[in-house]
Amino acid sequence: MNQQEEAVRKSLEKQRELEEVEREFRQLKRQQEDLLSQVGNAWRGNHSENKLGAIALDLTQEQRMTQKRLYNLDDQLQAEHKQAKVDVERAEEAKADATH
């Protein structure tokens, strides 16, 4: 497997990983909404508001960490894709130069 194929393969792997993180992020958001709804329904009064607020903060922090991971993976994927494209162009140029 040459470098270009390896770069493309890695890029595709990163894309799949990014899609998985995005799917997990959407699932986390749904779980957060469900949990907040359940806690809100189960508890009433100030005590429930305090508990609900603490849970919301925890979930928001987890959501931010997941979102940060998502952004980092996306940035990495874009950089690798760009590098793979440059590598392919260089290989094509070298091939064209070799045939002339």
C-alpha atoms as a PDB file:
ATOM      1  CA  MET A   1       0.000   0.000   0.000  1.00  0.00           C
ATOM      2  CA  ASN A   2       1.543   3.291  -1.026  1.00  0.00           C
ATOM      3  CA  GLN A   3       1.567   6.466   1.021  1.00  0.00           C
ATOM      4  CA  GLN A   4      -1.374   8.033  -0.770  1.00  0.00           C
ATOM      5  CA  GLU A   5      -3.569   4.990  -0.258  1.00  0.00           C
ATOM      6  CA  GLU A   6      -2.533   4.816   3.388  1.00  0.00           C
ATOM      7  CA  ALA A   7      -3.326   8.522   3.839  1.00  0.00           C
ATOM      8  CA  VAL A   8      -6.728   8.055   2.225  1.00  0.00           C
ATOM      9  CA  ARG A   9      -7.409   4.983   4.381  1.00  0.00           C
ATOM     10  CA  LYS A  10      -6.497   6.895   7.537  1.00  0.00           C
ATOM     11  CA  SER A  11      -8.629   9.799   6.411  1.00  0.00           C
ATOM     12  CA  LEU A  12     -11.598   7.484   5.943  1.00  0.00           C
ATOM     13  CA  GLU A  13     -11.005   5.963   9.374  1.00  0.00           C
ATOM     14  CA  LYS A  14     -10.974   9.425  10.924  1.00  0.00           C
ATOM     15  CA  GLN A  15     -14.169  10.284   9.053  1.00  0.00           C
ATOM     16  CA  ARG A  16     -15.859   7.181  10.469  1.00  0.00           C
ATOM     17  CA  GLU A  17     -14.592   8.075  13.935  1.00  0.00           C
ATOM     18  CA  LEU A  18     -15.929  11.596  13.521  1.00  0.00           C
ATOM     19  CA  GLU A  19     -19.315  10.245  12.458  1.00  0.00           C
ATOM     20  CA  GLU A  20     -19.339   7.952  15.497  1.00  0.00           C
ATOM     21  CA  VAL A  21     -18.562  10.863  17.827  1.00  0.00           C
ATOM     22  CA  GLU A  22     -21.310  12.903  16.192  1.00  0.00           C
ATOM     23  CA  ARG A  23     -23.739  10.011  16.675  1.00  0.00           C
ATOM     24  CA  GLU A  24     -22.669   9.686  20.315  1.00  0.00           C
ATOM     25  CA  PHE A  25     -23.075  13.435  20.749  1.00  0.00           C
ATOM     26  CA  ARG A  26     -26.652  13.334  19.407  1.00  0.00           C
ATOM     27  CA  GLN A  27     -27.393  10.356  21.651  1.00  0.00           C
ATOM     28  CA  LEU A  28     -25.936  12.203  24.646  1.00  0.00           C
ATOM     29  CA  LYS A  29     -28.168  15.192  23.918  1.00  0.00           C
ATOM     30  CA  ARG A  30     -31.249  12.948  23.767  1.00  0.00           C
ATOM     31  CA  GLN A  31     -30.235  11.235  27.005  1.00  0.00           C
ATOM     32  CA  GLN A  32     -29.679  14.610  28.644  1.00  0.00           C
ATOM     33  CA  GLU A  33     -33.135  15.792  27.624  1.00  0.00           C
ATOM     34  CA  ASP A  34     -34.732  12.546  28.802  1.00  0.00           C
ATOM     35  CA  LEU A  35     -32.880  12.586  32.113  1.00  0.00           C
ATOM     36  CA  LEU A  36     -33.700  16.203  32.821  1.00  0.00           C
ATOM     37  CA  SER A  37     -37.335  15.540  32.022  1.00  0.00           C
ATOM     38  CA  GLN A  38     -37.435  12.470  34.272  1.00  0.00           C
ATOM     39  CA  VAL A  39     -35.727  14.234  37.159  1.00  0.00           C
ATOM     40  CA  GLY A  40     -37.990  17.248  36.719  1.00  0.00           C
ATOM     41  CA  ASN A  41     -41.047  15.019  36.834  1.00  0.00           C
ATOM     42  CA  ALA A  42     -39.793  12.967  39.787  1.00  0.00           C
ATOM     43  CA  TRP A  43     -38.829  15.860  42.047  1.00  0.00           C
ATOM     44  CA  ARG A  44     -40.757  18.974  42.966  1.00  0.00           C
ATOM     45  CA  GLY A  45     -39.867  22.172  44.835  1.00  0.00           C
ATOM     46  CA  ASN A  46     -36.502  23.778  45.549  1.00  0.00           C
ATOM     47  CA  HIS A  47     -34.786  20.475  46.213  1.00  0.00           C
ATOM     48  CA  SER A  48     -35.625  19.212  42.747  1.00  0.00           C
ATOM     49  CA  GLU A  49     -34.488  22.472  41.160  1.00  0.00           C
ATOM     50  CA  ASN A  50     -31.122  22.211  42.924  1.00  0.00           C
ATOM     51  CA  LYS A  51     -30.691  18.580  41.887  1.00  0.00           C
ATOM     52  CA  LEU A  52     -31.827  19.330  38.365  1.00  0.00           C
ATOM     53  CA  GLY A  53     -29.383  22.241  38.119  1.00  0.00           C
ATOM     54  CA  ALA A  54     -26.471  20.099  39.318  1.00  0.00           C
ATOM     55  CA  ILE A  55     -27.336  17.344  36.865  1.00  0.00           C
ATOM     56  CA  ALA A  56     -27.678  19.866  34.050  1.00  0.00           C
ATOM     57  CA  LEU A  57     -24.237  21.274  34.866  1.00  0.00           C
ATOM     58  CA  ASP A  58     -22.679  17.805  34.831  1.00  0.00           C
ATOM     59  CA  LEU A  59     -24.338  16.944  31.548  1.00  0.00           C
ATOM     60  CA  THR A  60     -23.379  20.284  30.037  1.00  0.00           C
ATOM     61  CA  GLN A  61     -19.745  19.701  30.996  1.00  0.00           C
ATOM     62  CA  GLU A  62     -19.824  16.244  29.430  1.00  0.00           C
ATOM     63  CA  GLN A  63     -21.474  17.729  26.351  1.00  0.00           C
ATOM     64  CA  ARG A  64     -18.713  20.352  26.056  1.00  0.00           C
ATOM     65  CA  MET A  65     -16.011  17.710  26.327  1.00  0.00           C
ATOM     66  CA  THR A  66     -17.702  15.631  23.637  1.00  0.00           C
ATOM     67  CA  GLN A  67     -18.123  18.704  21.428  1.00  0.00           C
ATOM     68  CA  LYS A  68     -14.438  19.576  21.898  1.00  0.00           C
ATOM     69  CA  ARG A  69     -13.481  16.037  20.921  1.00  0.00           C
ATOM     70  CA  LEU A  70     -15.736  16.338  17.887  1.00  0.00           C
ATOM     71  CA  TYR A  71     -14.081  19.597  16.809  1.00  0.00           C
ATOM     72  CA  ASN A  72     -10.599  18.174  17.340  1.00  0.00           C
ATOM     73  CA  LEU A  73     -11.391  15.094  15.284  1.00  0.00           C
ATOM     74  CA  ASP A  74     -12.894  17.232  12.540  1.00  0.00           C
ATOM     75  CA  ASP A  75      -9.817  19.489  12.451  1.00  0.00           C
ATOM     76  CA  GLN A  76      -7.523  16.467  12.361  1.00  0.00           C
ATOM     77  CA  LEU A  77      -9.568  14.846   9.610  1.00  0.00           C
ATOM     78  CA  GLN A  78      -9.516  17.985   7.495  1.00  0.00           C
ATOM     79  CA  ALA A  79      -5.751  18.347   7.909  1.00  0.00           C
ATOM     80  CA  GLU A  80      -5.161  14.723   6.983  1.00  0.00           C
ATOM     81  CA  HIS A  81      -7.492  14.975   4.008  1.00  0.00           C
ATOM     82  CA  LYS A  82      -5.674  18.098   2.817  1.00  0.00           C
ATOM     83  CA  GLN A  83      -2.290  16.385   3.212  1.00  0.00           C
ATOM     84  CA  ALA A  84      -3.510  13.297   1.366  1.00  0.00           C
ATOM     85  CA  LYS A  85      -4.723  15.489  -1.479  1.00  0.00           C
ATOM     86  CA  VAL A  86      -1.348  17.255  -1.647  1.00  0.00           C
ATOM     87  CA  ASP A  87       0.426  13.876  -1.643  1.00  0.00           C
ATOM     88  CA  VAL A  88      -1.748  12.620  -4.491  1.00  0.00           C
ATOM     89  CA  GLU A  89      -1.130  15.792  -6.510  1.00  0.00           C
ATOM     90  CA  ARG A  90       2.620  15.482  -5.962  1.00  0.00           C
ATOM     91  CA  ALA A  91       2.555  11.856  -7.024  1.00  0.00           C
ATOM     92  CA  GLU A  92       0.613  12.739 -10.160  1.00  0.00           C
ATOM     93  CA  GLU A  93       3.060  15.559 -10.938  1.00  0.00           C
ATOM     94  CA  ALA A  94       6.019  13.233 -10.436  1.00  0.00           C
ATOM     95  CA  LYS A  95       4.409  10.664 -12.691  1.00  0.00           C
ATOM     96  CA  ALA A  96       3.705  13.305 -15.361  1.00  0.00           C
ATOM     97  CA  ASP A  97       7.308  14.585 -15.120  1.00  0.00           C
ATOM     98  CA  ALA A  98       8.634  11.048 -15.429  1.00  0.00           C
ATOM     99  CA  THR A  99       6.684  10.435 -18.633  1.00  0.00           C
ATOM    100  CA  HIS A 100       7.985  13.596 -20.338  1.00  0.00           C
END
